[in-house]
Every structure is written in C-alpha cells, then in structure tokens.
C-alpha cells in the first residue's frame, strides 16, 4: 500500500459508477461535489493527498523511495538500467531488479580462489 504524501498538487476525475460509489461511501464528504454530464454520467473531481496506486506520480514516488532505501543499504544503481541495483552481501553479489512495483532478488555466490 502506498502511504506517501504527494509532493505536488494532483487532481483526479472519477466518472460514472466510481463517482457514485464514493458519494455513497462518504456522502457527507463527496455528495455535494458530484456533478452530472450531458448523458447523466456522475462526475467527481478529487484532490489526492497521498499516492494512489496506478498513477504515474505514485510510481515516481515509489521509485524514489525504493532507490533511496536501497542506497542506504549499500546498493549501487546499474548505470545502464535504472531499475537494477547491485550490492556485495557477505561475499555474494545480490542483484535487485524491478518493474513498477514487482521486485526480483538474485544472489550469486562468487567463487574465491
């Protein structure tokens, strides 16, 4: 779950059933802001306070937090792939790669001569 506060102002439009569900869930907050389009479709504009999964800005916040925490643990970003990082852990190379929020962790034993 993303819990990071948005560092920019981000507005989102909800249409149709989603807008109606928001108004039903918390009518004291949302009902007064629901408007209807020409075809009778419900429309609700909201301002995001925290990151929302699926938003481009949220993905960027996740990336920055992940990279920052990995750097604190000694990982070095791959200069050719910004979604891969390496670290030496007890004589083994550990590589973490990711795509959006799916992480893959590999550990390779390094033979000593």
PDB file of N, CA and C in Angstrom:
ATOM      1  N   UNK A   1       0.841  -1.171   0.000  1.00  0.00           N
ATOM      2  CA  UNK A   1       0.000   0.000   0.000  1.00  0.00           C
ATOM      3  C   UNK A   1       0.890   1.239   0.000  1.00  0.00           C
ATOM      4  N   UNK A   2       0.538   2.192  -0.805  1.00  0.00           N
ATOM      5  CA  UNK A   2       1.301   3.431  -0.875  1.00  0.00           C
ATOM      6  C   UNK A   2       0.790   4.403   0.176  1.00  0.00           C
ATOM      7  N   UNK A   3       1.703   4.908   0.989  1.00  0.00           N
ATOM      8  CA  UNK A   3       1.300   5.809   2.075  1.00  0.00           C
ATOM      9  C   UNK A   3       2.006   7.158   1.989  1.00  0.00           C
ATOM     10  N   UNK A   4       2.692   7.405   0.886  1.00  0.00           N
ATOM     11  CA  UNK A   4       3.477   8.622   0.782  1.00  0.00           C
ATOM     12  C   UNK A   4       2.594   9.803   0.437  1.00  0.00           C
ATOM     13  N   UNK A   5       2.896  10.925   1.054  1.00  0.00           N
ATOM     14  CA  UNK A   5       2.177  12.151   0.729  1.00  0.00           C
ATOM     15  C   UNK A   5       2.625  12.647  -0.635  1.00  0.00           C
ATOM     16  N   UNK A   6       1.693  13.216  -1.374  1.00  0.00           N
ATOM     17  CA  UNK A   6       2.012  13.771  -2.685  1.00  0.00           C
ATOM     18  C   UNK A   6       2.794  15.068  -2.469  1.00  0.00           C
ATOM     19  N   UNK A   7       3.868  15.243  -3.216  1.00  0.00           N
ATOM     20  CA  UNK A   7       4.655  16.469  -3.083  1.00  0.00           C
ATOM     21  C   UNK A   7       4.187  17.549  -4.060  1.00  0.00           C
ATOM     22  N   UNK A   8       3.276  17.209  -4.942  1.00  0.00           N
ATOM     23  CA  UNK A   8       2.678  18.155  -5.882  1.00  0.00           C
ATOM     24  C   UNK A   8       1.159  18.082  -5.744  1.00  0.00           C
ATOM     25  N   UNK A   9       0.483  19.052  -6.313  1.00  0.00           N
ATOM     26  CA  UNK A   9      -0.975  19.009  -6.340  1.00  0.00           C
ATOM     27  C   UNK A   9      -1.396  18.122  -7.506  1.00  0.00           C
ATOM     28  N   UNK A  10      -2.179  17.080  -7.199  1.00  0.00           N
ATOM     29  CA  UNK A  10      -2.645  16.145  -8.219  1.00  0.00           C
ATOM     30  C   UNK A  10      -4.155  16.005  -8.088  1.00  0.00           C
ATOM     31  N   UNK A  11      -4.866  16.279  -9.172  1.00  0.00           N
ATOM     32  CA  UNK A  11      -6.317  16.117  -9.207  1.00  0.00           C
ATOM     33  C   UNK A  11      -6.654  14.889 -10.029  1.00  0.00           C
ATOM     34  N   UNK A  12      -7.742  14.244  -9.660  1.00  0.00           N
ATOM     35  CA  UNK A  12      -8.190  13.050 -10.369  1.00  0.00           C
ATOM     36  C   UNK A  12      -9.689  13.189 -10.626  1.00  0.00           C
ATOM     37  N   UNK A  13     -10.134  12.726 -11.778  1.00  0.00           N
ATOM     38  CA  UNK A  13     -11.563  12.743 -12.085  1.00  0.00           C
ATOM     39  C   UNK A  13     -12.093  11.319 -12.000  1.00  0.00           C
ATOM     40  N   UNK A  14     -13.198  11.176 -11.306  1.00  0.00           N
ATOM     41  CA  UNK A  14     -13.892   9.895 -11.217  1.00  0.00           C
ATOM     42  C   UNK A  14     -15.200  10.045 -11.963  1.00  0.00           C
ATOM     43  N   UNK A  15     -15.530   9.049 -12.759  1.00  0.00           N
ATOM     44  CA  UNK A  15     -16.738   9.121 -13.576  1.00  0.00           C
ATOM     45  C   UNK A  15     -17.633   7.909 -13.329  1.00  0.00           C
ATOM     46  N   UNK A  16     -18.905   8.103 -13.561  1.00  0.00           N
ATOM     47  CA  UNK A  16     -19.859   7.003 -13.541  1.00  0.00           C
ATOM     48  C   UNK A  16     -19.995   6.331 -12.195  1.00  0.00           C
ATOM     49  N   UNK A  17     -19.937   4.997 -12.236  1.00  0.00           N
ATOM     50  CA  UNK A  17     -20.175   4.196 -11.039  1.00  0.00           C
ATOM     51  C   UNK A  17     -19.181   4.494  -9.924  1.00  0.00           C
ATOM     52  N   UNK A  18     -17.929   4.752 -10.272  1.00  0.00           N
ATOM     53  CA  UNK A  18     -16.925   5.054  -9.253  1.00  0.00           C
ATOM     54  C   UNK A  18     -17.280   6.337  -8.497  1.00  0.00           C
ATOM     55  N   UNK A  19     -17.705   7.371  -9.222  1.00  0.00           N
ATOM     56  CA  UNK A  19     -18.109   8.623  -8.573  1.00  0.00           C
ATOM     57  C   UNK A  19     -19.305   8.390  -7.662  1.00  0.00           C
ATOM     58  N   UNK A  20     -20.273   7.591  -8.120  1.00  0.00           N
ATOM     59  CA  UNK A  20     -21.455   7.285  -7.301  1.00  0.00           C
ATOM     60  C   UNK A  20     -21.074   6.499  -6.052  1.00  0.00           C
ATOM     61  N   UNK A  21     -20.147   5.539  -6.190  1.00  0.00           N
ATOM     62  CA  UNK A  21     -19.709   4.753  -5.041  1.00  0.00           C
ATOM     63  C   UNK A  21     -19.026   5.616  -3.992  1.00  0.00           C
ATOM     64  N   UNK A  22     -18.227   6.570  -4.440  1.00  0.00           N
ATOM     65  CA  UNK A  22     -17.580   7.487  -3.493  1.00  0.00           C
ATOM     66  C   UNK A  22     -18.623   8.290  -2.730  1.00  0.00           C
ATOM     67  N   UNK A  23     -19.630   8.768  -3.437  1.00  0.00           N
ATOM     68  CA  UNK A  23     -20.689   9.550  -2.797  1.00  0.00           C
ATOM     69  C   UNK A  23     -21.505   8.695  -1.828  1.00  0.00           C
ATOM     70  N   UNK A  24     -21.710   7.423  -2.144  1.00  0.00           N
ATOM     71  CA  UNK A  24     -22.447   6.530  -1.248  1.00  0.00           C
ATOM     72  C   UNK A  24     -21.618   6.158  -0.024  1.00  0.00           C
ATOM     73  N   UNK A  25     -20.318   5.997  -0.220  1.00  0.00           N
ATOM     74  CA  UNK A  25     -19.430   5.600   0.867  1.00  0.00           C
ATOM     75  C   UNK A  25     -19.298   6.694   1.924  1.00  0.00           C
ATOM     76  N   UNK A  26     -19.150   7.926   1.484  1.00  0.00           N
ATOM     77  CA  UNK A  26     -18.994   9.054   2.418  1.00  0.00           C
ATOM     78  C   UNK A  26     -19.800  10.241   1.893  1.00  0.00           C
ATOM     79  N   UNK A  27     -21.136  10.170   2.008  1.00  0.00           N
ATOM     80  CA  UNK A  27     -21.976  11.238   1.443  1.00  0.00           C
ATOM     81  C   UNK A  27     -21.718  12.614   2.051  1.00  0.00           C
ATOM     82  N   UNK A  28     -21.352  12.657   3.329  1.00  0.00           N
ATOM     83  CA  UNK A  28     -21.094  13.947   3.982  1.00  0.00           C
ATOM     84  C   UNK A  28     -19.878  14.654   3.390  1.00  0.00           C
ATOM     85  N   UNK A  29     -18.994  13.898   2.753  1.00  0.00           N
ATOM     86  CA  UNK A  29     -17.792  14.481   2.144  1.00  0.00           C
ATOM     87  C   UNK A  29     -17.974  14.720   0.651  1.00  0.00           C
ATOM     88  N   UNK A  30     -18.478  13.716  -0.078  1.00  0.00           N
ATOM     89  CA  UNK A  30     -18.434  13.760  -1.544  1.00  0.00           C
ATOM     90  C   UNK A  30     -19.732  14.141  -2.245  1.00  0.00           C
ATOM     91  N   UNK A  31     -20.877  13.873  -1.652  1.00  0.00           N
ATOM     92  CA  UNK A  31     -22.147  14.051  -2.371  1.00  0.00           C
ATOM     93  C   UNK A  31     -22.297  15.462  -2.946  1.00  0.00           C
ATOM     94  N   UNK A  32     -21.928  16.469  -2.190  1.00  0.00           N
ATOM     95  CA  UNK A  32     -22.102  17.859  -2.650  1.00  0.00           C
ATOM     96  C   UNK A  32     -21.228  18.205  -3.854  1.00  0.00           C
ATOM     97  N   UNK A  33     -20.186  17.397  -4.119  1.00  0.00           N
ATOM     98  CA  UNK A  33     -19.272  17.692  -5.219  1.00  0.00           C
ATOM     99  C   UNK A  33     -19.544  16.873  -6.488  1.00  0.00           C
ATOM    100  N   UNK A  34     -20.479  15.948  -6.409  1.00  0.00           N
ATOM    101  CA  UNK A  34     -20.809  15.143  -7.588  1.00  0.00           C
ATOM    102  C   UNK A  34     -21.658  15.983  -8.542  1.00  0.00           C
ATOM    103  N   UNK A  35     -21.219  16.050  -9.799  1.00  0.00           N
ATOM    104  CA  UNK A  35     -21.995  16.727 -10.845  1.00  0.00           C
ATOM    105  C   UNK A  35     -22.350  15.675 -11.896  1.00  0.00           C
ATOM    106  N   UNK A  36     -23.172  16.065 -12.850  1.00  0.00           N
ATOM    107  CA  UNK A  36     -23.601  15.113 -13.869  1.00  0.00           C
ATOM    108  C   UNK A  36     -23.359  15.695 -15.245  1.00  0.00           C
ATOM    109  N   UNK A  37     -22.801  14.859 -16.134  1.00  0.00           N
ATOM    110  CA  UNK A  37     -22.514  15.268 -17.502  1.00  0.00           C
ATOM    111  C   UNK A  37     -23.767  15.247 -18.353  1.00  0.00           C
ATOM    112  N   UNK A  38     -23.603  15.549 -19.635  1.00  0.00           N
ATOM    113  CA  UNK A  38     -24.735  15.617 -20.568  1.00  0.00           C
ATOM    114  C   UNK A  38     -25.524  14.320 -20.638  1.00  0.00           C
ATOM    115  N   UNK A  39     -24.861  13.195 -20.571  1.00  0.00           N
ATOM    116  CA  UNK A  39     -25.536  11.904 -20.651  1.00  0.00           C
ATOM    117  C   UNK A  39     -26.005  11.389 -19.297  1.00  0.00           C
ATOM    118  N   UNK A  40     -25.926  12.216 -18.258  1.00  0.00           N
ATOM    119  CA  UNK A  40     -26.345  11.796 -16.929  1.00  0.00           C
ATOM    120  C   UNK A  40     -25.264  11.060 -16.146  1.00  0.00           C
ATOM    121  N   UNK A  41     -24.051  11.025 -16.692  1.00  0.00           N
ATOM    122  CA  UNK A  41     -22.944  10.346 -16.020  1.00  0.00           C
ATOM    123  C   UNK A  41     -22.451  11.168 -14.828  1.00  0.00           C
ATOM    124  N   UNK A  42     -22.304  10.516 -13.665  1.00  0.00           N
ATOM    125  CA  UNK A  42     -21.795  11.190 -12.472  1.00  0.00           C
ATOM    126  C   UNK A  42     -20.318  11.512 -12.662  1.00  0.00           C
ATOM    127  N   UNK A  43     -19.908  12.700 -12.191  1.00  0.00           N
ATOM    128  CA  UNK A  43     -18.516  13.151 -12.300  1.00  0.00           C
ATOM    129  C   UNK A  43     -18.102  13.721 -10.951  1.00  0.00           C
ATOM    130  N   UNK A  44     -16.942  13.310 -10.478  1.00  0.00           N
ATOM    131  CA  UNK A  44     -16.422  13.791  -9.196  1.00  0.00           C
ATOM    132  C   UNK A  44     -14.936  14.080  -9.358  1.00  0.00           C
ATOM    133  N   UNK A  45     -14.522  15.310  -9.064  1.00  0.00           N
ATOM    134  CA  UNK A  45     -13.110  15.688  -9.085  1.00  0.00           C
ATOM    135  C   UNK A  45     -12.597  15.647  -7.655  1.00  0.00           C
ATOM    136  N   UNK A  46     -11.443  15.013  -7.458  1.00  0.00           N
ATOM    137  CA  UNK A  46     -10.847  14.934  -6.126  1.00  0.00           C
ATOM    138  C   UNK A  46      -9.386  15.360  -6.189  1.00  0.00           C
ATOM    139  N   UNK A  47      -8.909  15.879  -5.084  1.00  0.00           N
ATOM    140  CA  UNK A  47      -7.503  16.248  -4.946  1.00  0.00           C
ATOM    141  C   UNK A  47      -6.838  15.172  -4.094  1.00  0.00           C
ATOM    142  N   UNK A  48      -5.793  14.540  -4.621  1.00  0.00           N
ATOM    143  CA  UNK A  48      -5.129  13.465  -3.895  1.00  0.00           C
ATOM    144  C   UNK A  48      -4.222  14.025  -2.808  1.00  0.00           C
ATOM    145  N   UNK A  49      -4.308  13.439  -1.637  1.00  0.00           N
ATOM    146  CA  UNK A  49      -3.428  13.814  -0.536  1.00  0.00           C
ATOM    147  C   UNK A  49      -2.263  12.847  -0.408  1.00  0.00           C
ATOM    148  N   UNK A  50      -2.496  11.599  -0.807  1.00  0.00           N
ATOM    149  CA  UNK A  50      -1.454  10.581  -0.747  1.00  0.00           C
ATOM    150  C   UNK A  50      -1.375   9.875  -2.090  1.00  0.00           C
ATOM    151  N   UNK A  51      -0.283   9.182  -2.292  1.00  0.00           N
ATOM    152  CA  UNK A  51      -0.074   8.465  -3.546  1.00  0.00           C
ATOM    153  C   UNK A  51      -1.182   7.441  -3.762  1.00  0.00           C
ATOM    154  N   UNK A  52      -1.609   7.297  -4.997  1.00  0.00           N
ATOM    155  CA  UNK A  52      -2.655   6.345  -5.362  1.00  0.00           C
ATOM    156  C   UNK A  52      -2.087   5.370  -6.366  1.00  0.00           C
ATOM    157  N   UNK A  53      -2.234   4.078  -6.076  1.00  0.00           N
ATOM    158  CA  UNK A  53      -1.695   3.043  -6.950  1.00  0.00           C
ATOM    159  C   UNK A  53      -2.234   3.217  -8.362  1.00  0.00           C
ATOM    160  N   UNK A  54      -1.351   3.152  -9.347  1.00  0.00           N
ATOM    161  CA  UNK A  54      -1.756   3.270 -10.741  1.00  0.00           C
ATOM    162  C   UNK A  54      -1.490   4.644 -11.332  1.00  0.00           C
ATOM    163  N   UNK A  55      -1.220   5.631 -10.501  1.00  0.00           N
ATOM    164  CA  UNK A  55      -0.931   6.977 -11.009  1.00  0.00           C
ATOM    165  C   UNK A  55       0.563   7.098 -11.318  1.00  0.00           C
ATOM    166  N   UNK A  56       0.884   7.782 -12.386  1.00  0.00           N
ATOM    167  CA  UNK A  56       2.277   7.959 -12.776  1.00  0.00           C
ATOM    168  C   UNK A  56       3.088   8.618 -11.654  1.00  0.00           C
ATOM    169  N   UNK A  57       2.529   9.618 -11.020  1.00  0.00           N
ATOM    170  CA  UNK A  57       3.225  10.311  -9.937  1.00  0.00           C
ATOM    171  C   UNK A  57       3.504   9.356  -8.772  1.00  0.00           C
ATOM    172  N   UNK A  58       2.576   8.471  -8.491  1.00  0.00           N
ATOM    173  CA  UNK A  58       2.758   7.491  -7.417  1.00  0.00           C
ATOM    174  C   UNK A  58       3.912   6.551  -7.738  1.00  0.00           C
ATOM    175  N   UNK A  59       4.009   6.141  -8.987  1.00  0.00           N
ATOM    176  CA  UNK A  59       5.106   5.260  -9.399  1.00  0.00           C
ATOM    177  C   UNK A  59       6.447   5.954  -9.208  1.00  0.00           C
ATOM    178  N   UNK A  60       6.500   7.240  -9.522  1.00  0.00           N
ATOM    179  CA  UNK A  60       7.737   8.001  -9.342  1.00  0.00           C
ATOM    180  C   UNK A  60       8.094   8.118  -7.864  1.00  0.00           C
ATOM    181  N   UNK A  61       7.099   8.365  -7.007  1.00  0.00           N
ATOM    182  CA  UNK A  61       7.358   8.432  -5.561  1.00  0.00           C
ATOM    183  C   UNK A  61       7.874   7.090  -5.045  1.00  0.00           C
ATOM    184  N   UNK A  62       7.276   5.987  -5.510  1.00  0.00           N
ATOM    185  CA  UNK A  62       7.723   4.657  -5.111  1.00  0.00           C
ATOM    186  C   UNK A  62       9.172   4.434  -5.546  1.00  0.00           C
ATOM    187  N   UNK A  63       9.495   4.795  -6.786  1.00  0.00           N
ATOM    188  CA  UNK A  63      10.847   4.617  -7.316  1.00  0.00           C
ATOM    189  C   UNK A  63      11.859   5.384  -6.460  1.00  0.00           C
ATOM    190  N   UNK A  64      11.560   6.642  -6.170  1.00  0.00           N
ATOM    191  CA  UNK A  64      12.491   7.455  -5.379  1.00  0.00           C
ATOM    192  C   UNK A  64      12.701   6.872  -3.988  1.00  0.00           C
ATOM    193  N   UNK A  65      11.615   6.410  -3.359  1.00  0.00           N
ATOM    194  CA  UNK A  65      11.731   5.839  -2.022  1.00  0.00           C
ATOM    195  C   UNK A  65      12.520   4.539  -2.065  1.00  0.00           C
ATOM    196  N   UNK A  66      12.234   3.676  -3.027  1.00  0.00           N
ATOM    197  CA  UNK A  66      12.932   2.403  -3.152  1.00  0.00           C
ATOM    198  C   UNK A  66      14.423   2.621  -3.383  1.00  0.00           C
ATOM    199  N   UNK A  67      14.767   3.475  -4.333  1.00  0.00           N
ATOM    200  CA  UNK A  67      16.176   3.742  -4.646  1.00  0.00           C
ATOM    201  C   UNK A  67      16.889   4.347  -3.437  1.00  0.00           C
ATOM    202  N   UNK A  68      16.231   5.255  -2.733  1.00  0.00           N
ATOM    203  CA  UNK A  68      16.829   5.867  -1.547  1.00  0.00           C
ATOM    204  C   UNK A  68      17.111   4.851  -0.450  1.00  0.00           C
ATOM    205  N   UNK A  69      16.152   3.971  -0.201  1.00  0.00           N
ATOM    206  CA  UNK A  69      16.350   2.965   0.842  1.00  0.00           C
ATOM    207  C   UNK A  69      17.401   1.942   0.441  1.00  0.00           C
ATOM    208  N   UNK A  70      17.452   1.591  -0.837  1.00  0.00           N
ATOM    209  CA  UNK A  70      18.474   0.647  -1.284  1.00  0.00           C
ATOM    210  C   UNK A  70      19.860   1.280  -1.192  1.00  0.00           C
ATOM    211  N   UNK A  71      19.985   2.554  -1.522  1.00  0.00           N
ATOM    212  CA  UNK A  71      21.279   3.242  -1.418  1.00  0.00           C
ATOM    213  C   UNK A  71      21.752   3.261   0.036  1.00  0.00           C
ATOM    214  N   UNK A  72      20.827   3.441   0.975  1.00  0.00           N
ATOM    215  CA  UNK A  72      21.183   3.417   2.395  1.00  0.00           C
ATOM    216  C   UNK A  72      21.737   2.049   2.807  1.00  0.00           C
ATOM    217  N   UNK A  73      21.293   0.994   2.131  1.00  0.00           N
ATOM    218  CA  UNK A  73      21.736  -0.372   2.436  1.00  0.00           C
ATOM    219  C   UNK A  73      22.987  -0.759   1.651  1.00  0.00           C
ATOM    220  N   UNK A  74      23.507   0.153   0.831  1.00  0.00           N
ATOM    221  CA  UNK A  74      24.751  -0.103   0.111  1.00  0.00           C
ATOM    222  C   UNK A  74      24.588  -0.559  -1.326  1.00  0.00           C
ATOM    223  N   UNK A  75      23.386  -0.557  -1.844  1.00  0.00           N
ATOM    224  CA  UNK A  75      23.174  -0.944  -3.238  1.00  0.00           C
ATOM    225  C   UNK A  75      23.602   0.184  -4.169  1.00  0.00           C
ATOM    226  N   UNK A  76      24.140  -0.210  -5.312  1.00  0.00           N
ATOM    227  CA  UNK A  76      24.568   0.760  -6.322  1.00  0.00           C
ATOM    228  C   UNK A  76      23.724   0.536  -7.567  1.00  0.00           C
ATOM    229  N   UNK A  77      23.096   1.610  -8.062  1.00  0.00           N
ATOM    230  CA  UNK A  77      22.276   1.503  -9.265  1.00  0.00           C
ATOM    231  C   UNK A  77      23.128   1.158 -10.475  1.00  0.00           C
ATOM    232  N   UNK A  78      22.578   0.334 -11.340  1.00  0.00           N
ATOM    233  CA  UNK A  78      23.229  -0.022 -12.591  1.00  0.00           C
ATOM    234  C   UNK A  78      23.207   1.205 -13.502  1.00  0.00           C
ATOM    235  N   UNK A  79      24.350   1.633 -14.043  1.00  0.00           N
ATOM    236  CA  UNK A  79      24.367   2.836 -14.882  1.00  0.00           C
ATOM    237  C   UNK A  79      23.635   2.664 -16.215  1.00  0.00           C
ATOM    238  N   UNK A  80      23.364   1.426 -16.618  1.00  0.00           N
ATOM    239  CA  UNK A  80      22.692   1.177 -17.888  1.00  0.00           C
ATOM    240  C   UNK A  80      21.212   0.864 -17.727  1.00  0.00           C
ATOM    241  N   UNK A  81      20.806   0.492 -16.528  1.00  0.00           N
ATOM    242  CA  UNK A  81      19.414   0.140 -16.262  1.00  0.00           C
ATOM    243  C   UNK A  81      19.003   0.746 -14.921  1.00  0.00           C
ATOM    244  N   UNK A  82      18.184   1.799 -14.915  1.00  0.00           N
ATOM    245  CA  UNK A  82      17.819   2.465 -13.662  1.00  0.00           C
ATOM    246  C   UNK A  82      16.892   1.637 -12.779  1.00  0.00           C
ATOM    247  N   UNK A  83      16.528   0.431 -13.227  1.00  0.00           N
ATOM    248  CA  UNK A  83      15.676  -0.454 -12.427  1.00  0.00           C
ATOM    249  C   UNK A  83      16.422  -1.719 -12.035  1.00  0.00           C
ATOM    250  N   UNK A  84      17.723  -1.570 -11.795  1.00  0.00           N
ATOM    251  CA  UNK A  84      18.558  -2.679 -11.337  1.00  0.00           C
ATOM    252  C   UNK A  84      19.628  -2.112 -10.407  1.00  0.00           C
ATOM    253  N   UNK A  85      19.913  -2.850  -9.338  1.00  0.00           N
ATOM    254  CA  UNK A  85      20.928  -2.404  -8.383  1.00  0.00           C
ATOM    255  C   UNK A  85      21.671  -3.621  -7.856  1.00  0.00           C
ATOM    256  N   UNK A  86      22.937  -3.412  -7.504  1.00  0.00           N
ATOM    257  CA  UNK A  86      23.796  -4.488  -7.004  1.00  0.00           C
ATOM    258  C   UNK A  86      24.419  -4.098  -5.672  1.00  0.00           C
ATOM    259  N   UNK A  87      24.719  -5.148  -4.891  1.00  0.00           N
ATOM    260  CA  UNK A  87      25.393  -4.934  -3.612  1.00  0.00           C
ATOM    261  C   UNK A  87      26.158  -6.207  -3.261  1.00  0.00           C
ATOM    262  N   UNK A  88      27.311  -6.061  -2.613  1.00  0.00           N
ATOM    263  CA  UNK A  88      28.060  -7.205  -2.118  1.00  0.00           C
ATOM    264  C   UNK A  88      27.540  -7.516  -0.718  1.00  0.00           C
ATOM    265  N   UNK A  89      27.034  -8.745  -0.525  1.00  0.00           N
ATOM    266  CA  UNK A  89      26.491  -9.164   0.768  1.00  0.00           C
ATOM    267  C   UNK A  89      27.229 -10.419   1.210  1.00  0.00           C
ATOM    268  N   UNK A  90      28.086 -10.288   2.199  1.00  0.00           N
ATOM    269  CA  UNK A  90      28.836 -11.425   2.745  1.00  0.00           C
ATOM    270  C   UNK A  90      29.557 -12.222   1.656  1.00  0.00           C
ATOM    271  N   UNK A  91      30.198 -11.541   0.733  1.00  0.00           N
ATOM    272  CA  UNK A  91      30.955 -12.197  -0.316  1.00  0.00           C
ATOM    273  C   UNK A  91      30.130 -12.659  -1.501  1.00  0.00           C
ATOM    274  N   UNK A  92      28.864 -12.384  -1.510  1.00  0.00           N
ATOM    275  CA  UNK A  92      27.994 -12.738  -2.633  1.00  0.00           C
ATOM    276  C   UNK A  92      27.440 -11.462  -3.250  1.00  0.00           C
ATOM    277  N   UNK A  93      27.237 -11.514  -4.555  1.00  0.00           N
ATOM    278  CA  UNK A  93      26.617 -10.362  -5.217  1.00  0.00           C
ATOM    279  C   UNK A  93      25.104 -10.528  -5.153  1.00  0.00           C
ATOM    280  N   UNK A  94      24.426  -9.509  -4.648  1.00  0.00           N
ATOM    281  CA  UNK A  94      22.978  -9.515  -4.631  1.00  0.00           C
ATOM    282  C   UNK A  94      22.512  -8.477  -5.641  1.00  0.00           C
ATOM    283  N   UNK A  95      21.625  -8.892  -6.512  1.00  0.00           N
ATOM    284  CA  UNK A  95      21.077  -8.009  -7.536  1.00  0.00           C
ATOM    285  C   UNK A  95      19.567  -7.914  -7.336  1.00  0.00           C
ATOM    286  N   UNK A  96      19.062  -6.705  -7.362  1.00  0.00           N
ATOM    287  CA  UNK A  96      17.618  -6.481  -7.299  1.00  0.00           C
ATOM    288  C   UNK A  96      17.217  -5.773  -8.578  1.00  0.00           C
ATOM    289  N   UNK A  97      16.232  -6.330  -9.251  1.00  0.00           N
ATOM    290  CA  UNK A  97      15.658  -5.677 -10.430  1.00  0.00           C
ATOM    291  C   UNK A  97      14.179  -5.468 -10.143  1.00  0.00           C
ATOM    292  N   UNK A  98      13.593  -4.476 -10.799  1.00  0.00           N
ATOM    293  CA  UNK A  98      12.168  -4.226 -10.577  1.00  0.00           C
ATOM    294  C   UNK A  98      11.526  -3.603 -11.802  1.00  0.00           C
ATOM    295  N   UNK A  99      10.236  -3.835 -11.876  1.00  0.00           N
ATOM    296  CA  UNK A  99       9.391  -3.231 -12.909  1.00  0.00           C
ATOM    297  C   UNK A  99       8.135  -2.759 -12.192  1.00  0.00           C
ATOM    298  N   UNK A 100       7.920  -1.475 -12.184  1.00  0.00           N
ATOM    299  CA  UNK A 100       6.842  -0.813 -11.451  1.00  0.00           C
ATOM    300  C   UNK A 100       7.001  -1.155  -9.972  1.00  0.00           C
ATOM    301  N   UNK A 101       6.230  -2.099  -9.422  1.00  0.00           N
ATOM    302  CA  UNK A 101       6.409  -2.441  -8.015  1.00  0.00           C
ATOM    303  C   UNK A 101       6.639  -3.938  -7.806  1.00  0.00           C
ATOM    304  N   UNK A 102       7.066  -4.630  -8.864  1.00  0.00           N
ATOM    305  CA  UNK A 102       7.411  -6.046  -8.763  1.00  0.00           C
ATOM    306  C   UNK A 102       8.927  -6.172  -8.683  1.00  0.00           C
ATOM    307  N   UNK A 103       9.426  -6.681  -7.568  1.00  0.00           N
ATOM    308  CA  UNK A 103      10.860  -6.804  -7.354  1.00  0.00           C
ATOM    309  C   UNK A 103      11.306  -8.253  -7.523  1.00  0.00           C
ATOM    310  N   UNK A 104      12.481  -8.431  -8.112  1.00  0.00           N
ATOM    311  CA  UNK A 104      13.137  -9.732  -8.235  1.00  0.00           C
ATOM    312  C   UNK A 104      14.492  -9.610  -7.554  1.00  0.00           C
ATOM    313  N   UNK A 105      14.812 -10.570  -6.703  1.00  0.00           N
ATOM    314  CA  UNK A 105      16.076 -10.538  -5.968  1.00  0.00           C
ATOM    315  C   UNK A 105      16.873 -11.784  -6.326  1.00  0.00           C
ATOM    316  N   UNK A 106      18.130 -11.562  -6.709  1.00  0.00           N
ATOM    317  CA  UNK A 106      19.016 -12.646  -7.098  1.00  0.00           C
ATOM    318  C   UNK A 106      20.265 -12.569  -6.226  1.00  0.00           C
ATOM    319  N   UNK A 107      20.791 -13.727  -5.853  1.00  0.00           N
ATOM    320  CA  UNK A 107      22.030 -13.760  -5.091  1.00  0.00           C
ATOM    321  C   UNK A 107      22.966 -14.734  -5.784  1.00  0.00           C
ATOM    322  N   UNK A 108      24.143 -14.258  -6.126  1.00  0.00           N
ATOM    323  CA  UNK A 108      25.102 -15.052  -6.860  1.00  0.00           C
ATOM    324  C   UNK A 108      26.341 -15.272  -5.986  1.00  0.00           C
ATOM    325  N   UNK A 109      26.656 -16.530  -5.758  1.00  0.00           N
ATOM    326  CA  UNK A 109      27.855 -16.838  -4.988  1.00  0.00           C
ATOM    327  C   UNK A 109      29.065 -16.609  -5.867  1.00  0.00           C
ATOM    328  N   UNK A 110      30.043 -15.942  -5.318  1.00  0.00           N
ATOM    329  CA  UNK A 110      31.272 -15.639  -6.056  1.00  0.00           C
ATOM    330  C   UNK A 110      32.347 -16.608  -5.569  1.00  0.00           C
ATOM    331  N   UNK A 111      32.881 -17.388  -6.503  1.00  0.00           N
ATOM    332  CA  UNK A 111      33.909 -18.365  -6.165  1.00  0.00           C
ATOM    333  C   UNK A 111      35.205 -17.656  -5.802  1.00  0.00           C
ATOM    334  N   UNK A 112      35.783 -18.050  -4.695  1.00  0.00           N
ATOM    335  CA  UNK A 112      37.068 -17.478  -4.241  1.00  0.00           C
ATOM    336  C   UNK A 112      38.179 -18.451  -4.580  1.00  0.00           C
ATOM    337  N   UNK A 113      39.284 -17.939  -5.077  1.00  0.00           N
ATOM    338  CA  UNK A 113      40.439 -18.800  -5.398  1.00  0.00           C
ATOM    339  C   UNK A 113      41.522 -18.653  -4.378  1.00  0.00           C
TER     340      UNK A 113
END
